[in-house]
Amino acid sequence: MRKAAFLDRDGVINREVEYLHRIEDFEFIEGALEGCRRLQEKGYLLVVITNQSGIARGLYTEDDFQRLNAWMLQRLKEHGVEIAGVYFCPHHPTEGVGPYRTECDCRKPEAGMIEAACREHDLDAAASILVGDKASDAEAGRRAGVGRVFLVHSGHALSTEDAALADHVCADLLEASALA
């Protein structure tokens, strides 16, 4: 079994933009590429786990998400970063439309995306880390049995209660990679 770094996307890899779905609105957070490279050098398989309620709300489509995702993966690859998988939840229990309005086990704080990645990539959750920017990220990591949880200040504002859910609170992904 291998260890992974489970990375939230918005607020960890790229600047937080509400309902991000357009390439022209995507901006890497300073140090995120280097942080990803450092994690790879430490033997972590990189896995992105991201809630995408904008799909559920009808603000953009799964195709829009996949187009942005392909662009992001190519930019990362150009900088020496390989992402093993991107797992996303297109659901929302109350704001979703049509089949996207549902309770699911993949929407963080549930652990479904992490558990799926562990099965598909033969990952050891206990030897892995999670880097997120919200309480729901930390809760998902805890529910999945991830060994260490990092929350970063580069995305959403963290309350004292949010910070208490993490093993480490860092400025950003680069700082988290140094502690991993």
Protein backbone atom coordinates (compact mmCIF):
# COMPACT_ATOMS: atom_id res chain seq x y z
CA MET A 1 0.00 0.00 0.00
CA ARG A 2 1.12 3.52 -0.75
CA LYS A 3 0.69 6.84 1.01
CA ALA A 4 -1.16 9.76 -0.55
CA ALA A 5 -1.56 13.47 -0.11
CA PHE A 6 -5.26 14.19 -0.50
CA LEU A 7 -5.53 17.79 -1.68
CA ASP A 8 -8.60 19.96 -1.79
CA ARG A 9 -8.51 22.05 -4.96
CA ASP A 10 -10.03 25.49 -4.37
CA GLY A 11 -8.13 27.39 -1.70
CA VAL A 12 -5.29 24.85 -1.59
CA ILE A 13 -4.03 24.46 -5.18
CA ASN A 14 -5.74 27.47 -6.73
CA ARG A 15 -7.13 30.76 -5.46
CA GLU A 16 -10.64 30.48 -4.10
CA VAL A 17 -13.12 31.68 -6.73
CA GLU A 18 -16.78 31.01 -6.01
CA TYR A 19 -18.02 28.26 -8.35
CA LEU A 20 -14.81 28.21 -10.39
CA HIS A 21 -15.38 26.66 -13.81
CA ARG A 22 -13.63 28.90 -16.34
CA ILE A 23 -9.96 28.56 -17.22
CA GLU A 24 -9.50 32.32 -17.35
CA ASP A 25 -10.52 32.52 -13.66
CA PHE A 26 -8.05 29.85 -12.49
CA GLU A 27 -4.91 31.05 -10.68
CA PHE A 28 -2.44 28.82 -8.86
CA ILE A 29 -1.73 29.87 -5.28
CA GLU A 30 1.87 31.00 -4.91
CA GLY A 31 3.98 28.05 -3.80
CA ALA A 32 1.34 25.42 -4.61
CA LEU A 33 3.32 23.92 -7.49
CA GLU A 34 6.46 23.69 -5.36
CA GLY A 35 4.43 22.21 -2.52
CA CYS A 36 3.08 19.52 -4.82
CA ARG A 37 6.58 18.71 -6.08
CA ARG A 38 7.88 18.45 -2.50
CA LEU A 39 5.10 16.05 -1.56
CA GLN A 40 5.93 13.90 -4.59
CA GLU A 41 9.60 13.90 -3.62
CA LYS A 42 8.56 12.64 -0.17
CA GLY A 43 6.81 9.70 -1.83
CA TYR A 44 3.20 10.87 -1.65
CA LEU A 45 0.83 10.02 -4.48
CA LEU A 46 -1.16 13.21 -5.16
CA VAL A 47 -4.96 12.94 -5.21
CA VAL A 48 -7.35 15.88 -5.59
CA ILE A 49 -10.69 15.68 -3.73
CA THR A 50 -13.12 18.50 -4.41
CA ASN A 51 -16.77 19.33 -3.77
CA GLN A 52 -18.31 20.91 -6.85
CA SER A 53 -21.75 22.08 -5.78
CA GLY A 54 -21.83 24.52 -8.72
CA ILE A 55 -22.67 21.50 -10.87
CA ALA A 56 -25.54 20.57 -8.53
CA ARG A 57 -26.80 24.15 -8.57
CA GLY A 58 -26.83 24.26 -12.38
CA LEU A 59 -24.17 26.99 -12.55
CA TYR A 60 -21.89 24.87 -14.77
CA THR A 61 -21.82 21.35 -16.15
CA GLU A 62 -19.71 18.29 -15.49
CA ASP A 63 -18.21 18.91 -18.95
CA ASP A 64 -17.20 22.42 -17.85
CA PHE A 65 -15.57 20.92 -14.75
CA GLN A 66 -13.74 18.26 -16.79
CA ARG A 67 -12.47 20.87 -19.28
CA LEU A 68 -11.01 23.00 -16.46
CA ASN A 69 -9.68 19.87 -14.78
CA ALA A 70 -7.86 18.72 -17.94
CA TRP A 71 -6.32 22.18 -18.32
CA MET A 72 -5.19 22.21 -14.65
CA LEU A 73 -3.69 18.72 -14.90
CA GLN A 74 -1.73 19.71 -18.00
CA ARG A 75 -0.35 22.86 -16.29
CA LEU A 76 0.64 20.78 -13.27
CA LYS A 77 2.33 18.18 -15.49
CA GLU A 78 4.28 20.95 -17.25
CA HIS A 79 5.67 21.85 -13.81
CA GLY A 80 6.63 18.27 -12.92
CA VAL A 81 3.53 17.47 -10.89
CA GLU A 82 1.60 14.24 -11.53
CA ILE A 83 -1.88 13.91 -10.09
CA ALA A 84 -2.93 10.26 -9.67
CA GLY A 85 -6.62 11.08 -9.65
CA VAL A 86 -9.20 13.80 -9.28
CA TYR A 87 -12.32 12.89 -7.34
CA PHE A 88 -15.24 15.29 -7.27
CA CYS A 89 -18.70 15.46 -5.81
CA PRO A 90 -21.30 17.12 -8.06
CA HIS A 91 -24.11 16.82 -5.48
CA HIS A 92 -25.80 19.06 -2.95
CA PRO A 93 -28.47 17.84 -0.54
CA THR A 94 -30.62 21.00 -0.55
CA GLU A 95 -29.46 23.31 -3.35
CA GLY A 96 -29.05 20.73 -6.10
CA VAL A 97 -31.32 20.47 -9.12
CA GLY A 98 -32.58 17.25 -10.68
CA PRO A 99 -30.50 14.15 -9.95
CA TYR A 100 -27.79 16.28 -8.32
CA ARG A 101 -30.06 17.11 -5.37
CA THR A 102 -29.23 14.17 -3.17
CA GLU A 103 -27.62 13.03 0.04
CA CYS A 104 -24.44 11.18 -0.90
CA ASP A 105 -21.36 9.66 0.65
CA CYS A 106 -18.96 11.60 -1.56
CA ARG A 107 -19.69 15.20 -0.52
CA LYS A 108 -17.21 16.30 2.12
CA PRO A 109 -17.44 16.04 5.13
CA GLU A 110 -18.31 12.48 4.11
CA ALA A 111 -15.33 10.27 3.30
CA GLY A 112 -16.50 8.73 0.01
CA MET A 113 -13.99 10.39 -2.31
CA ILE A 114 -11.05 9.46 -0.08
CA GLU A 115 -12.30 5.91 0.36
CA ALA A 116 -12.75 5.50 -3.42
CA ALA A 117 -9.22 6.77 -4.06
CA CYS A 118 -7.82 4.39 -1.43
CA ARG A 119 -9.55 1.41 -3.09
CA GLU A 120 -8.61 2.38 -6.64
CA HIS A 121 -4.96 3.24 -5.93
CA ASP A 122 -4.22 0.79 -3.08
CA LEU A 123 -3.60 3.61 -0.61
CA ASP A 124 -2.98 3.43 3.12
CA ALA A 125 -5.14 6.19 4.60
CA ALA A 126 -3.35 6.01 7.96
CA ALA A 127 0.01 6.71 6.29
CA SER A 128 -1.48 9.55 4.24
CA ILE A 129 -2.12 13.25 4.74
CA LEU A 130 -4.93 15.59 3.77
CA VAL A 131 -4.54 19.29 3.01
CA GLY A 132 -7.72 21.37 2.98
CA ASP A 133 -9.00 24.82 3.79
CA LYS A 134 -12.30 24.10 5.55
CA ALA A 135 -13.69 22.10 8.44
CA SER A 136 -15.47 19.77 6.01
CA ASP A 137 -12.08 18.81 4.52
CA ALA A 138 -10.68 17.95 7.95
CA GLU A 139 -13.83 16.03 8.91
CA ALA A 140 -13.65 13.95 5.71
CA GLY A 141 -10.03 13.11 6.44
CA ARG A 142 -10.85 12.05 9.99
CA ARG A 143 -13.79 9.90 8.86
CA ALA A 144 -11.58 8.16 6.29
CA GLY A 145 -8.83 7.48 8.83
CA VAL A 146 -6.25 9.76 7.21
CA GLY A 147 -3.13 9.89 9.39
CA ARG A 148 -2.53 13.64 9.50
CA VAL A 149 -4.78 16.54 8.58
CA PHE A 150 -3.51 19.96 7.58
CA LEU A 151 -5.67 23.06 7.16
CA VAL A 152 -4.35 26.10 5.33
CA HIS A 153 -5.11 29.81 5.48
CA SER A 154 -4.79 30.26 1.70
CA GLY A 155 -8.49 29.58 1.11
CA HIS A 156 -11.48 30.08 3.39
CA ALA A 157 -11.10 31.84 6.73
CA LEU A 158 -10.59 29.32 9.52
CA SER A 159 -12.34 29.69 12.85
CA THR A 160 -10.76 28.51 16.08
CA GLU A 161 -13.10 25.51 15.95
CA ASP A 162 -12.02 24.69 12.38
CA ALA A 163 -8.34 24.90 13.30
CA ALA A 164 -8.90 22.55 16.24
CA LEU A 165 -9.88 19.79 13.77
CA ALA A 166 -6.41 19.79 12.20
CA ASP A 167 -3.12 18.33 13.29
CA HIS A 168 -1.38 21.34 11.74
CA VAL A 169 -2.56 24.74 10.52
CA CYS A 170 -0.31 26.25 7.84
CA ALA A 171 -0.20 29.33 5.69
CA ASP A 172 -0.49 27.31 2.49
CA LEU A 173 0.30 24.06 0.69
CA LEU A 174 4.00 24.89 0.48
CA GLU A 175 4.27 25.16 4.26
CA ALA A 176 2.21 21.99 4.73
CA SER A 177 4.54 20.11 2.36
CA ALA A 178 7.49 21.03 4.56
CA LEU A 179 5.79 19.44 7.59
CA ALA A 180 4.51 16.33 5.80
